[in-house]
Amino acid sequence: MSTHNLPYAFGAPAEPDVKPAPPEVEELEEEDVGGDTDDPWFVILFNDEVHTFEEVIGQLMKATGCSRGEAEDLAWTVHNEGKADVYEGTFEECFEVQSVLKEIQLVTEIQG
């Protein structure tokens, strides 16, 4: 009897008793959007060379409800330091304040 007539399984090497390693999975941290946290959020206002002090002061008062004096102080801080925290609150509150500031294209960011 010739060996080339035997079924293929007889000529195949034995399968090793080794299980493949599971695929590597990178665990991503869940991003916190501030719904369940007590951590404060901040609206940062950046200086620009486009808006006048009066425009910035008016928009800060409209967005945050602060007094004119507080808005003037914030505007000067932004002008002299390049940026300033202009509002602190929940994420939702900061989002609303940022939306009002962006009505006149002020450059802002929310940080938590």
PDB file of N, CA and C in Angstrom:
ATOM      1  N   MET A   1       0.855  -1.160   0.000  1.00  0.00           N
ATOM      2  CA  MET A   1       0.000   0.000   0.000  1.00  0.00           C
ATOM      3  C   MET A   1       0.900   1.221   0.000  1.00  0.00           C
ATOM      4  N   SER A   2       0.579   2.175  -0.840  1.00  0.00           N
ATOM      5  CA  SER A   2       1.407   3.364  -0.919  1.00  0.00           C
ATOM      6  C   SER A   2       0.876   4.403   0.058  1.00  0.00           C
ATOM      7  N   THR A   3       1.773   5.247   0.607  1.00  0.00           N
ATOM      8  CA  THR A   3       1.394   6.220   1.636  1.00  0.00           C
ATOM      9  C   THR A   3       0.648   7.407   1.048  1.00  0.00           C
ATOM     10  N   HIS A   4       0.755   7.626  -0.243  1.00  0.00           N
ATOM     11  CA  HIS A   4       0.056   8.777  -0.819  1.00  0.00           C
ATOM     12  C   HIS A   4      -1.434   8.515  -0.973  1.00  0.00           C
ATOM     13  N   ASN A   5      -1.922   7.315  -0.743  1.00  0.00           N
ATOM     14  CA  ASN A   5      -3.345   7.017  -0.780  1.00  0.00           C
ATOM     15  C   ASN A   5      -3.999   7.148   0.601  1.00  0.00           C
ATOM     16  N   LEU A   6      -3.215   7.401   1.633  1.00  0.00           N
ATOM     17  CA  LEU A   6      -3.777   7.512   2.973  1.00  0.00           C
ATOM     18  C   LEU A   6      -4.496   8.851   3.128  1.00  0.00           C
ATOM     19  N   PRO A   7      -5.501   8.897   4.006  1.00  0.00           N
ATOM     20  CA  PRO A   7      -6.183  10.176   4.234  1.00  0.00           C
ATOM     21  C   PRO A   7      -5.196  11.208   4.769  1.00  0.00           C
ATOM     22  N   TYR A   8      -5.466  12.485   4.474  1.00  0.00           N
ATOM     23  CA  TYR A   8      -4.572  13.581   4.823  1.00  0.00           C
ATOM     24  C   TYR A   8      -4.335  13.639   6.321  1.00  0.00           C
ATOM     25  N   ALA A   9      -5.321  13.366   7.128  1.00  0.00           N
ATOM     26  CA  ALA A   9      -5.203  13.494   8.577  1.00  0.00           C
ATOM     27  C   ALA A   9      -4.083  12.623   9.120  1.00  0.00           C
ATOM     28  N   PHE A  10      -3.796  11.498   8.477  1.00  0.00           N
ATOM     29  CA  PHE A  10      -2.744  10.626   8.989  1.00  0.00           C
ATOM     30  C   PHE A  10      -1.364  11.237   8.794  1.00  0.00           C
ATOM     31  N   GLY A  11      -1.206  12.051   7.762  1.00  0.00           N
ATOM     32  CA  GLY A  11       0.102  12.618   7.494  1.00  0.00           C
ATOM     33  C   GLY A  11       0.304  13.993   8.127  1.00  0.00           C
ATOM     34  N   ALA A  12      -0.751  14.571   8.726  1.00  0.00           N
ATOM     35  CA  ALA A  12      -0.649  15.914   9.305  1.00  0.00           C
ATOM     36  C   ALA A  12       0.022  15.842  10.679  1.00  0.00           C
ATOM     37  N   PRO A  13       0.812  16.839  11.008  1.00  0.00           N
ATOM     38  CA  PRO A  13       1.440  16.844  12.328  1.00  0.00           C
ATOM     39  C   PRO A  13       0.370  17.083  13.404  1.00  0.00           C
ATOM     40  N   ALA A  14       0.622  16.619  14.582  1.00  0.00           N
ATOM     41  CA  ALA A  14      -0.310  16.779  15.693  1.00  0.00           C
ATOM     42  C   ALA A  14      -0.405  18.266  16.067  1.00  0.00           C
ATOM     43  N   GLU A  15      -1.612  18.700  16.389  1.00  0.00           N
ATOM     44  CA  GLU A  15      -1.828  20.087  16.808  1.00  0.00           C
ATOM     45  C   GLU A  15      -1.252  20.272  18.209  1.00  0.00           C
ATOM     46  N   PRO A  16      -0.501  21.333  18.431  1.00  0.00           N
ATOM     47  CA  PRO A  16       0.025  21.559  19.774  1.00  0.00           C
ATOM     48  C   PRO A  16      -1.117  21.930  20.719  1.00  0.00           C
ATOM     49  N   ASP A  17      -0.963  21.597  21.983  1.00  0.00           N
ATOM     50  CA  ASP A  17      -1.988  21.870  22.987  1.00  0.00           C
ATOM     51  C   ASP A  17      -1.718  23.238  23.613  1.00  0.00           C
ATOM     52  N   VAL A  18      -1.689  24.279  22.746  1.00  0.00           N
ATOM     53  CA  VAL A  18      -1.413  25.642  23.194  1.00  0.00           C
ATOM     54  C   VAL A  18      -2.555  26.528  22.720  1.00  0.00           C
ATOM     55  N   LYS A  19      -3.084  27.314  23.652  1.00  0.00           N
ATOM     56  CA  LYS A  19      -4.167  28.237  23.293  1.00  0.00           C
ATOM     57  C   LYS A  19      -3.552  29.573  22.885  1.00  0.00           C
ATOM     58  N   PRO A  20      -4.111  30.210  21.875  1.00  0.00           N
ATOM     59  CA  PRO A  20      -3.571  31.505  21.460  1.00  0.00           C
ATOM     60  C   PRO A  20      -3.784  32.544  22.567  1.00  0.00           C
ATOM     61  N   ALA A  21      -2.865  33.472  22.633  1.00  0.00           N
ATOM     62  CA  ALA A  21      -2.972  34.539  23.623  1.00  0.00           C
ATOM     63  C   ALA A  21      -4.144  35.445  23.253  1.00  0.00           C
ATOM     64  N   PRO A  22      -4.844  35.947  24.254  1.00  0.00           N
ATOM     65  CA  PRO A  22      -5.943  36.860  23.935  1.00  0.00           C
ATOM     66  C   PRO A  22      -5.390  38.134  23.315  1.00  0.00           C
ATOM     67  N   PRO A  23      -6.170  38.784  22.482  1.00  0.00           N
ATOM     68  CA  PRO A  23      -5.671  40.020  21.862  1.00  0.00           C
ATOM     69  C   PRO A  23      -5.435  41.080  22.942  1.00  0.00           C
ATOM     70  N   GLU A  24      -4.420  41.919  22.694  1.00  0.00           N
ATOM     71  CA  GLU A  24      -4.147  42.987  23.648  1.00  0.00           C
ATOM     72  C   GLU A  24      -5.227  44.044  23.504  1.00  0.00           C
ATOM     73  N   VAL A  25      -5.777  44.445  24.623  1.00  0.00           N
ATOM     74  CA  VAL A  25      -6.840  45.436  24.625  1.00  0.00           C
ATOM     75  C   VAL A  25      -6.386  46.614  25.468  1.00  0.00           C
ATOM     76  N   GLU A  26      -6.436  47.780  24.868  1.00  0.00           N
ATOM     77  CA  GLU A  26      -6.066  48.985  25.595  1.00  0.00           C
ATOM     78  C   GLU A  26      -7.309  49.497  26.309  1.00  0.00           C
ATOM     79  N   GLU A  27      -7.192  49.658  27.629  1.00  0.00           N
ATOM     80  CA  GLU A  27      -8.318  50.170  28.387  1.00  0.00           C
ATOM     81  C   GLU A  27      -8.266  51.686  28.383  1.00  0.00           C
ATOM     82  N   LEU A  28      -9.370  52.299  27.987  1.00  0.00           N
ATOM     83  CA  LEU A  28      -9.457  53.743  27.957  1.00  0.00           C
ATOM     84  C   LEU A  28     -10.208  54.215  29.191  1.00  0.00           C
ATOM     85  N   GLU A  29      -9.712  55.296  29.773  1.00  0.00           N
ATOM     86  CA  GLU A  29     -10.417  55.866  30.906  1.00  0.00           C
ATOM     87  C   GLU A  29     -11.679  56.539  30.410  1.00  0.00           C
ATOM     88  N   GLU A  30     -12.733  56.406  31.177  1.00  0.00           N
ATOM     89  CA  GLU A  30     -13.991  57.037  30.800  1.00  0.00           C
ATOM     90  C   GLU A  30     -13.880  58.532  31.033  1.00  0.00           C
ATOM     91  N   GLU A  31     -14.274  59.304  30.028  1.00  0.00           N
ATOM     92  CA  GLU A  31     -14.187  60.755  30.141  1.00  0.00           C
ATOM     93  C   GLU A  31     -15.334  61.269  30.993  1.00  0.00           C
ATOM     94  N   ASP A  32     -15.002  62.117  31.941  1.00  0.00           N
ATOM     95  CA  ASP A  32     -15.991  62.686  32.838  1.00  0.00           C
ATOM     96  C   ASP A  32     -16.501  63.989  32.254  1.00  0.00           C
ATOM     97  N   VAL A  33     -17.798  64.069  32.038  1.00  0.00           N
ATOM     98  CA  VAL A  33     -18.372  65.290  31.491  1.00  0.00           C
ATOM     99  C   VAL A  33     -19.004  66.155  32.573  1.00  0.00           C
ATOM    100  N   GLY A  34     -18.756  65.815  33.815  1.00  0.00           N
ATOM    101  CA  GLY A  34     -19.140  66.679  34.903  1.00  0.00           C
ATOM    102  C   GLY A  34     -20.541  66.492  35.438  1.00  0.00           C
ATOM    103  N   GLY A  35     -21.263  65.513  34.996  1.00  0.00           N
ATOM    104  CA  GLY A  35     -22.614  65.328  35.473  1.00  0.00           C
ATOM    105  C   GLY A  35     -22.702  64.875  36.915  1.00  0.00           C
ATOM    106  N   ASP A  36     -21.787  64.041  37.364  1.00  0.00           N
ATOM    107  CA  ASP A  36     -21.871  63.470  38.700  1.00  0.00           C
ATOM    108  C   ASP A  36     -20.723  63.898  39.595  1.00  0.00           C
ATOM    109  N   THR A  37     -20.096  64.990  39.299  1.00  0.00           N
ATOM    110  CA  THR A  37     -18.930  65.370  40.077  1.00  0.00           C
ATOM    111  C   THR A  37     -19.153  66.697  40.771  1.00  0.00           C
ATOM    112  N   ASP A  38     -18.504  66.844  41.909  1.00  0.00           N
ATOM    113  CA  ASP A  38     -18.573  68.104  42.641  1.00  0.00           C
ATOM    114  C   ASP A  38     -17.436  69.027  42.247  1.00  0.00           C
ATOM    115  N   ASP A  39     -16.528  68.543  41.401  1.00  0.00           N
ATOM    116  CA  ASP A  39     -15.397  69.365  40.985  1.00  0.00           C
ATOM    117  C   ASP A  39     -15.904  70.570  40.203  1.00  0.00           C
ATOM    118  N   PRO A  40     -15.352  71.749  40.465  1.00  0.00           N
ATOM    119  CA  PRO A  40     -15.790  72.936  39.731  1.00  0.00           C
ATOM    120  C   PRO A  40     -15.248  72.946  38.301  1.00  0.00           C
ATOM    121  N   TRP A  41     -15.965  73.625  37.434  1.00  0.00           N
ATOM    122  CA  TRP A  41     -15.556  73.850  36.052  1.00  0.00           C
ATOM    123  C   TRP A  41     -15.314  75.346  35.898  1.00  0.00           C
ATOM    124  N   PHE A  42     -14.473  75.707  34.950  1.00  0.00           N
ATOM    125  CA  PHE A  42     -14.100  77.097  34.757  1.00  0.00           C
ATOM    126  C   PHE A  42     -14.229  77.483  33.295  1.00  0.00           C
ATOM    127  N   VAL A  43     -14.655  78.714  33.052  1.00  0.00           N
ATOM    128  CA  VAL A  43     -14.611  79.286  31.708  1.00  0.00           C
ATOM    129  C   VAL A  43     -13.369  80.166  31.668  1.00  0.00           C
ATOM    130  N   ILE A  44     -12.496  79.850  30.724  1.00  0.00           N
ATOM    131  CA  ILE A  44     -11.270  80.613  30.524  1.00  0.00           C
ATOM    132  C   ILE A  44     -11.495  81.530  29.326  1.00  0.00           C
ATOM    133  N   LEU A  45     -11.189  82.802  29.499  1.00  0.00           N
ATOM    134  CA  LEU A  45     -11.274  83.774  28.409  1.00  0.00           C
ATOM    135  C   LEU A  45      -9.861  84.167  28.017  1.00  0.00           C
ATOM    136  N   PHE A  46      -9.574  84.101  26.725  1.00  0.00           N
ATOM    137  CA  PHE A  46      -8.243  84.413  26.208  1.00  0.00           C
ATOM    138  C   PHE A  46      -8.226  85.811  25.594  1.00  0.00           C
ATOM    139  N   ASN A  47      -7.088  86.452  25.695  1.00  0.00           N
ATOM    140  CA  ASN A  47      -6.904  87.776  25.118  1.00  0.00           C
ATOM    141  C   ASN A  47      -6.888  87.687  23.593  1.00  0.00           C
ATOM    142  N   ASP A  48      -7.395  88.701  22.961  1.00  0.00           N
ATOM    143  CA  ASP A  48      -7.255  88.818  21.514  1.00  0.00           C
ATOM    144  C   ASP A  48      -7.071  90.300  21.182  1.00  0.00           C
ATOM    145  N   GLU A  49      -6.690  90.558  19.969  1.00  0.00           N
ATOM    146  CA  GLU A  49      -6.450  91.932  19.527  1.00  0.00           C
ATOM    147  C   GLU A  49      -7.599  92.435  18.660  1.00  0.00           C
ATOM    148  N   VAL A  50      -8.757  91.792  18.779  1.00  0.00           N
ATOM    149  CA  VAL A  50      -9.892  92.120  17.926  1.00  0.00           C
ATOM    150  C   VAL A  50     -10.937  92.943  18.675  1.00  0.00           C
ATOM    151  N   HIS A  51     -11.250  92.544  19.902  1.00  0.00           N
ATOM    152  CA  HIS A  51     -12.338  93.163  20.647  1.00  0.00           C
ATOM    153  C   HIS A  51     -11.857  94.320  21.518  1.00  0.00           C
ATOM    154  N   THR A  52     -12.715  95.322  21.648  1.00  0.00           N
ATOM    155  CA  THR A  52     -12.401  96.447  22.529  1.00  0.00           C
ATOM    156  C   THR A  52     -12.709  96.059  23.974  1.00  0.00           C
ATOM    157  N   PHE A  53     -12.169  96.833  24.906  1.00  0.00           N
ATOM    158  CA  PHE A  53     -12.471  96.595  26.313  1.00  0.00           C
ATOM    159  C   PHE A  53     -13.976  96.694  26.553  1.00  0.00           C
ATOM    160  N   GLU A  54     -14.619  97.672  25.938  1.00  0.00           N
ATOM    161  CA  GLU A  54     -16.058  97.846  26.137  1.00  0.00           C
ATOM    162  C   GLU A  54     -16.851  96.634  25.663  1.00  0.00           C
ATOM    163  N   GLU A  55     -16.453  96.057  24.529  1.00  0.00           N
ATOM    164  CA  GLU A  55     -17.141  94.853  24.033  1.00  0.00           C
ATOM    165  C   GLU A  55     -16.976  93.701  25.017  1.00  0.00           C
ATOM    166  N   VAL A  56     -15.758  93.502  25.491  1.00  0.00           N
ATOM    167  CA  VAL A  56     -15.484  92.394  26.410  1.00  0.00           C
ATOM    168  C   VAL A  56     -16.220  92.613  27.731  1.00  0.00           C
ATOM    169  N   ILE A  57     -16.163  93.823  28.257  1.00  0.00           N
ATOM    170  CA  ILE A  57     -16.838  94.133  29.521  1.00  0.00           C
ATOM    171  C   ILE A  57     -18.342  93.885  29.403  1.00  0.00           C
ATOM    172  N   GLY A  58     -18.938  94.377  28.341  1.00  0.00           N
ATOM    173  CA  GLY A  58     -20.374  94.184  28.127  1.00  0.00           C
ATOM    174  C   GLY A  58     -20.753  92.723  28.015  1.00  0.00           C
ATOM    175  N   GLN A  59     -19.952  91.958  27.295  1.00  0.00           N
ATOM    176  CA  GLN A  59     -20.277  90.538  27.099  1.00  0.00           C
ATOM    177  C   GLN A  59     -20.060  89.749  28.387  1.00  0.00           C
ATOM    178  N   LEU A  60     -19.039  90.104  29.160  1.00  0.00           N
ATOM    179  CA  LEU A  60     -18.822  89.438  30.456  1.00  0.00           C
ATOM    180  C   LEU A  60     -20.010  89.687  31.385  1.00  0.00           C
ATOM    181  N   MET A  61     -20.491  90.919  31.426  1.00  0.00           N
ATOM    182  CA  MET A  61     -21.645  91.237  32.270  1.00  0.00           C
ATOM    183  C   MET A  61     -22.879  90.445  31.820  1.00  0.00           C
ATOM    184  N   LYS A  62     -23.084  90.376  30.508  1.00  0.00           N
ATOM    185  CA  LYS A  62     -24.230  89.639  29.959  1.00  0.00           C
ATOM    186  C   LYS A  62     -24.112  88.145  30.259  1.00  0.00           C
ATOM    187  N   ALA A  63     -22.902  87.584  30.097  1.00  0.00           N
ATOM    188  CA  ALA A  63     -22.707  86.142  30.237  1.00  0.00           C
ATOM    189  C   ALA A  63     -22.722  85.669  31.688  1.00  0.00           C
ATOM    190  N   THR A  64     -22.115  86.464  32.579  1.00  0.00           N
ATOM    191  CA  THR A  64     -21.923  85.986  33.954  1.00  0.00           C
ATOM    192  C   THR A  64     -22.818  86.671  34.970  1.00  0.00           C
ATOM    193  N   GLY A  65     -23.396  87.798  34.599  1.00  0.00           N
ATOM    194  CA  GLY A  65     -24.203  88.538  35.552  1.00  0.00           C
ATOM    195  C   GLY A  65     -23.372  89.329  36.553  1.00  0.00           C
ATOM    196  N   CYS A  66     -22.091  89.488  36.288  1.00  0.00           N
ATOM    197  CA  CYS A  66     -21.216  90.234  37.200  1.00  0.00           C
ATOM    198  C   CYS A  66     -21.438  91.737  37.045  1.00  0.00           C
ATOM    199  N   SER A  67     -20.921  92.486  37.989  1.00  0.00           N
ATOM    200  CA  SER A  67     -21.029  93.947  37.937  1.00  0.00           C
ATOM    201  C   SER A  67     -20.057  94.498  36.900  1.00  0.00           C
ATOM    202  N   ARG A  68     -20.235  95.761  36.578  1.00  0.00           N
ATOM    203  CA  ARG A  68     -19.327  96.409  35.631  1.00  0.00           C
ATOM    204  C   ARG A  68     -17.903  96.423  36.187  1.00  0.00           C
ATOM    205  N   GLY A  69     -17.750  96.705  37.456  1.00  0.00           N
ATOM    206  CA  GLY A  69     -16.418  96.727  38.068  1.00  0.00           C
ATOM    207  C   GLY A  69     -15.727  95.372  38.000  1.00  0.00           C
ATOM    208  N   GLU A  70     -16.486  94.308  38.269  1.00  0.00           N
ATOM    209  CA  GLU A  70     -15.914  92.953  38.176  1.00  0.00           C
ATOM    210  C   GLU A  70     -15.531  92.638  36.729  1.00  0.00           C
ATOM    211  N   ALA A  71     -16.375  93.020  35.795  1.00  0.00           N
ATOM    212  CA  ALA A  71     -16.092  92.776  34.375  1.00  0.00           C
ATOM    213  C   ALA A  71     -14.857  93.550  33.926  1.00  0.00           C
ATOM    214  N   GLU A  72     -14.707  94.784  34.410  1.00  0.00           N
ATOM    215  CA  GLU A  72     -13.514  95.569  34.075  1.00  0.00           C
ATOM    216  C   GLU A  72     -12.257  94.895  34.624  1.00  0.00           C
ATOM    217  N   ASP A  73     -12.326  94.430  35.867  1.00  0.00           N
ATOM    218  CA  ASP A  73     -11.169  93.739  36.464  1.00  0.00           C
ATOM    219  C   ASP A  73     -10.802  92.490  35.674  1.00  0.00           C
ATOM    220  N   LEU A  74     -11.808  91.720  35.277  1.00  0.00           N
ATOM    221  CA  LEU A  74     -11.553  90.507  34.490  1.00  0.00           C
ATOM    222  C   LEU A  74     -10.946  90.860  33.139  1.00  0.00           C
ATOM    223  N   ALA A  75     -11.473  91.890  32.499  1.00  0.00           N
ATOM    224  CA  ALA A  75     -10.958  92.294  31.188  1.00  0.00           C
ATOM    225  C   ALA A  75      -9.495  92.717  31.287  1.00  0.00           C
ATOM    226  N   TRP A  76      -9.138  93.445  32.344  1.00  0.00           N
ATOM    227  CA  TRP A  76      -7.744  93.857  32.520  1.00  0.00           C
ATOM    228  C   TRP A  76      -6.835  92.658  32.798  1.00  0.00           C
ATOM    229  N   THR A  77      -7.341  91.698  33.574  1.00  0.00           N
ATOM    230  CA  THR A  77      -6.544  90.490  33.840  1.00  0.00           C
ATOM    231  C   THR A  77      -6.294  89.735  32.538  1.00  0.00           C
ATOM    232  N   VAL A  78      -7.334  89.573  31.728  1.00  0.00           N
ATOM    233  CA  VAL A  78      -7.188  88.896  30.431  1.00  0.00           C
ATOM    234  C   VAL A  78      -6.179  89.646  29.571  1.00  0.00           C
ATOM    235  N   HIS A  79      -6.289  90.951  29.532  1.00  0.00           N
ATOM    236  CA  HIS A  79      -5.393  91.770  28.714  1.00  0.00           C
ATOM    237  C   HIS A  79      -3.933  91.646  29.186  1.00  0.00           C
ATOM    238  N   ASN A  80      -3.712  91.709  30.487  1.00  0.00           N
ATOM    239  CA  ASN A  80      -2.339  91.708  31.024  1.00  0.00           C
ATOM    240  C   ASN A  80      -1.710  90.328  31.135  1.00  0.00           C
ATOM    241  N   GLU A  81      -2.516  89.299  31.382  1.00  0.00           N
ATOM    242  CA  GLU A  81      -1.971  87.945  31.594  1.00  0.00           C
ATOM    243  C   GLU A  81      -2.215  87.007  30.415  1.00  0.00           C
ATOM    244  N   GLY A  82      -2.992  87.445  29.452  1.00  0.00           N
ATOM    245  CA  GLY A  82      -3.247  86.619  28.272  1.00  0.00           C
ATOM    246  C   GLY A  82      -4.477  85.742  28.391  1.00  0.00           C
ATOM    247  N   LYS A  83      -4.927  85.516  29.629  1.00  0.00           N
ATOM    248  CA  LYS A  83      -6.132  84.722  29.854  1.00  0.00           C
ATOM    249  C   LYS A  83      -6.533  84.868  31.313  1.00  0.00           C
ATOM    250  N   ALA A  84      -7.775  84.477  31.603  1.00  0.00           N
ATOM    251  CA  ALA A  84      -8.256  84.519  32.985  1.00  0.00           C
ATOM    252  C   ALA A  84      -9.457  83.603  33.132  1.00  0.00           C
ATOM    253  N   ASP A  85      -9.629  83.053  34.349  1.00  0.00           N
ATOM    254  CA  ASP A  85     -10.851  82.335  34.694  1.00  0.00           C
ATOM    255  C   ASP A  85     -11.919  83.401  34.914  1.00  0.00           C
ATOM    256  N   VAL A  86     -12.942  83.386  34.079  1.00  0.00           N
ATOM    257  CA  VAL A  86     -13.965  84.424  34.203  1.00  0.00           C
ATOM    258  C   VAL A  86     -15.259  83.906  34.819  1.00  0.00           C
ATOM    259  N   TYR A  87     -15.358  82.586  34.984  1.00  0.00           N
ATOM    260  CA  TYR A  87     -16.564  82.023  35.594  1.00  0.00           C
ATOM    261  C   TYR A  87     -16.241  80.652  36.156  1.00  0.00           C
ATOM    262  N   GLU A  88     -16.868  80.313  37.295  1.00  0.00           N
ATOM    263  CA  GLU A  88     -16.740  78.997  37.913  1.00  0.00           C
ATOM    264  C   GLU A  88     -18.130  78.484  38.222  1.00  0.00           C
ATOM    265  N   GLY A  89     -18.389  77.217  37.879  1.00  0.00           N
ATOM    266  CA  GLY A  89     -19.703  76.635  38.155  1.00  0.00           C
ATOM    267  C   GLY A  89     -19.772  75.206  37.669  1.00  0.00           C
ATOM    268  N   THR A  90     -20.992  74.711  37.494  1.00  0.00           N
ATOM    269  CA  THR A  90     -21.180  73.369  36.948  1.00  0.00           C
ATOM    270  C   THR A  90     -20.819  73.396  35.458  1.00  0.00           C
ATOM    271  N   PHE A  91     -20.657  72.220  34.893  1.00  0.00           N
ATOM    272  CA  PHE A  91     -20.339  72.160  33.469  1.00  0.00           C
ATOM    273  C   PHE A  91     -21.433  72.838  32.645  1.00  0.00           C
ATOM    274  N   GLU A  92     -22.679  72.573  32.997  1.00  0.00           N
ATOM    275  CA  GLU A  92     -23.791  73.138  32.239  1.00  0.00           C
ATOM    276  C   GLU A  92     -23.792  74.664  32.321  1.00  0.00           C
ATOM    277  N   GLU A  93     -23.542  75.201  33.528  1.00  0.00           N
ATOM    278  CA  GLU A  93     -23.487  76.655  33.682  1.00  0.00           C
ATOM    279  C   GLU A  93     -22.342  77.240  32.853  1.00  0.00           C
ATOM    280  N   CYS A  94     -21.188  76.596  32.920  1.00  0.00           N
ATOM    281  CA  CYS A  94     -20.034  77.073  32.149  1.00  0.00           C
ATOM    282  C   CYS A  94     -20.306  77.021  30.656  1.00  0.00           C
ATOM    283  N   PHE A  95     -21.009  75.995  30.217  1.00  0.00           N
ATOM    284  CA  PHE A  95     -21.347  75.882  28.802  1.00  0.00           C
ATOM    285  C   PHE A  95     -22.237  77.052  28.371  1.00  0.00           C
ATOM    286  N   GLU A  96     -23.192  77.414  29.219  1.00  0.00           N
ATOM    287  CA  GLU A  96     -24.070  78.551  28.914  1.00  0.00           C
ATOM    288  C   GLU A  96     -23.282  79.858  28.864  1.00  0.00           C
ATOM    289  N   VAL A  97     -22.408  80.087  29.848  1.00  0.00           N
ATOM    290  CA  VAL A  97     -21.593  81.307  29.875  1.00  0.00           C
ATOM    291  C   VAL A  97     -20.719  81.374  28.629  1.00  0.00           C
ATOM    292  N   GLN A  98     -20.094  80.243  28.304  1.00  0.00           N
ATOM    293  CA  GLN A  98     -19.239  80.197  27.114  1.00  0.00           C
ATOM    294  C   GLN A  98     -20.043  80.529  25.857  1.00  0.00           C
ATOM    295  N   SER A  99     -21.250  80.026  25.769  1.00  0.00           N
ATOM    296  CA  SER A  99     -22.092  80.291  24.593  1.00  0.00           C
ATOM    297  C   SER A  99     -22.357  81.783  24.422  1.00  0.00           C
ATOM    298  N   VAL A 100     -22.605  82.490  25.512  1.00  0.00           N
ATOM    299  CA  VAL A 100     -22.862  83.928  25.439  1.00  0.00           C
ATOM    300  C   VAL A 100     -21.580  84.662  25.033  1.00  0.00           C
ATOM    301  N   LEU A 101     -20.447  84.270  25.609  1.00  0.00           N
ATOM    302  CA  LEU A 101     -19.182  84.919  25.245  1.00  0.00           C
ATOM    303  C   LEU A 101     -18.853  84.702  23.764  1.00  0.00           C
ATOM    304  N   LYS A 102     -19.211  83.548  23.254  1.00  0.00           N
ATOM    305  CA  LYS A 102     -18.916  83.236  21.855  1.00  0.00           C
ATOM    306  C   LYS A 102     -19.849  83.946  20.880  1.00  0.00           C
ATOM    307  N   GLU A 103     -20.914  84.580  21.390  1.00  0.00           N
ATOM    308  CA  GLU A 103     -21.813  85.325  20.504  1.00  0.00           C
ATOM    309  C   GLU A 103     -21.058  86.400  19.731  1.00  0.00           C
ATOM    310  N   ILE A 104     -19.999  86.947  20.335  1.00  0.00           N
ATOM    311  CA  ILE A 104     -19.191  87.960  19.629  1.00  0.00           C
ATOM    312  C   ILE A 104     -17.794  87.411  19.291  1.00  0.00           C
ATOM    313  N   GLN A 105     -17.704  86.091  19.230  1.00  0.00           N
ATOM    314  CA  GLN A 105     -16.483  85.384  18.829  1.00  0.00           C
ATOM    315  C   GLN A 105     -15.301  85.601  19.794  1.00  0.00           C
ATOM    316  N   LEU A 106     -15.605  85.731  21.097  1.00  0.00           N
ATOM    317  CA  LEU A 106     -14.514  85.738  22.079  1.00  0.00           C
ATOM    318  C   LEU A 106     -13.937  84.334  22.158  1.00  0.00           C
ATOM    319  N   VAL A 107     -12.644  84.240  22.404  1.00  0.00           N
ATOM    320  CA  VAL A 107     -11.969  82.940  22.439  1.00  0.00           C
ATOM    321  C   VAL A 107     -12.026  82.421  23.872  1.00  0.00           C
ATOM    322  N   THR A 108     -12.673  81.253  24.047  1.00  0.00           N
ATOM    323  CA  THR A 108     -12.885  80.682  25.373  1.00  0.00           C
ATOM    324  C   THR A 108     -12.560  79.205  25.392  1.00  0.00           C
ATOM    325  N   GLU A 109     -12.502  78.682  26.601  1.00  0.00           N
ATOM    326  CA  GLU A 109     -12.299  77.248  26.804  1.00  0.00           C
ATOM    327  C   GLU A 109     -12.927  76.905  28.138  1.00  0.00           C
ATOM    328  N   ILE A 110     -13.475  75.695  28.239  1.00  0.00           N
ATOM    329  CA  ILE A 110     -13.989  75.203  29.514  1.00  0.00           C
ATOM    330  C   ILE A 110     -12.997  74.189  30.051  1.00  0.00           C
ATOM    331  N   GLN A 111     -12.615  74.346  31.298  1.00  0.00           N
ATOM    332  CA  GLN A 111     -11.697  73.405  31.949  1.00  0.00           C
ATOM    333  C   GLN A 111     -12.324  72.904  33.230  1.00  0.00           C
ATOM    334  N   GLY A 112     -12.093  71.621  33.506  1.00  0.00           N
ATOM    335  CA  GLY A 112     -12.642  71.039  34.737  1.00  0.00           C
ATOM    336  C   GLY A 112     -11.616  70.325  35.522  1.00  0.00           C
TER     337      GLY A 112
END
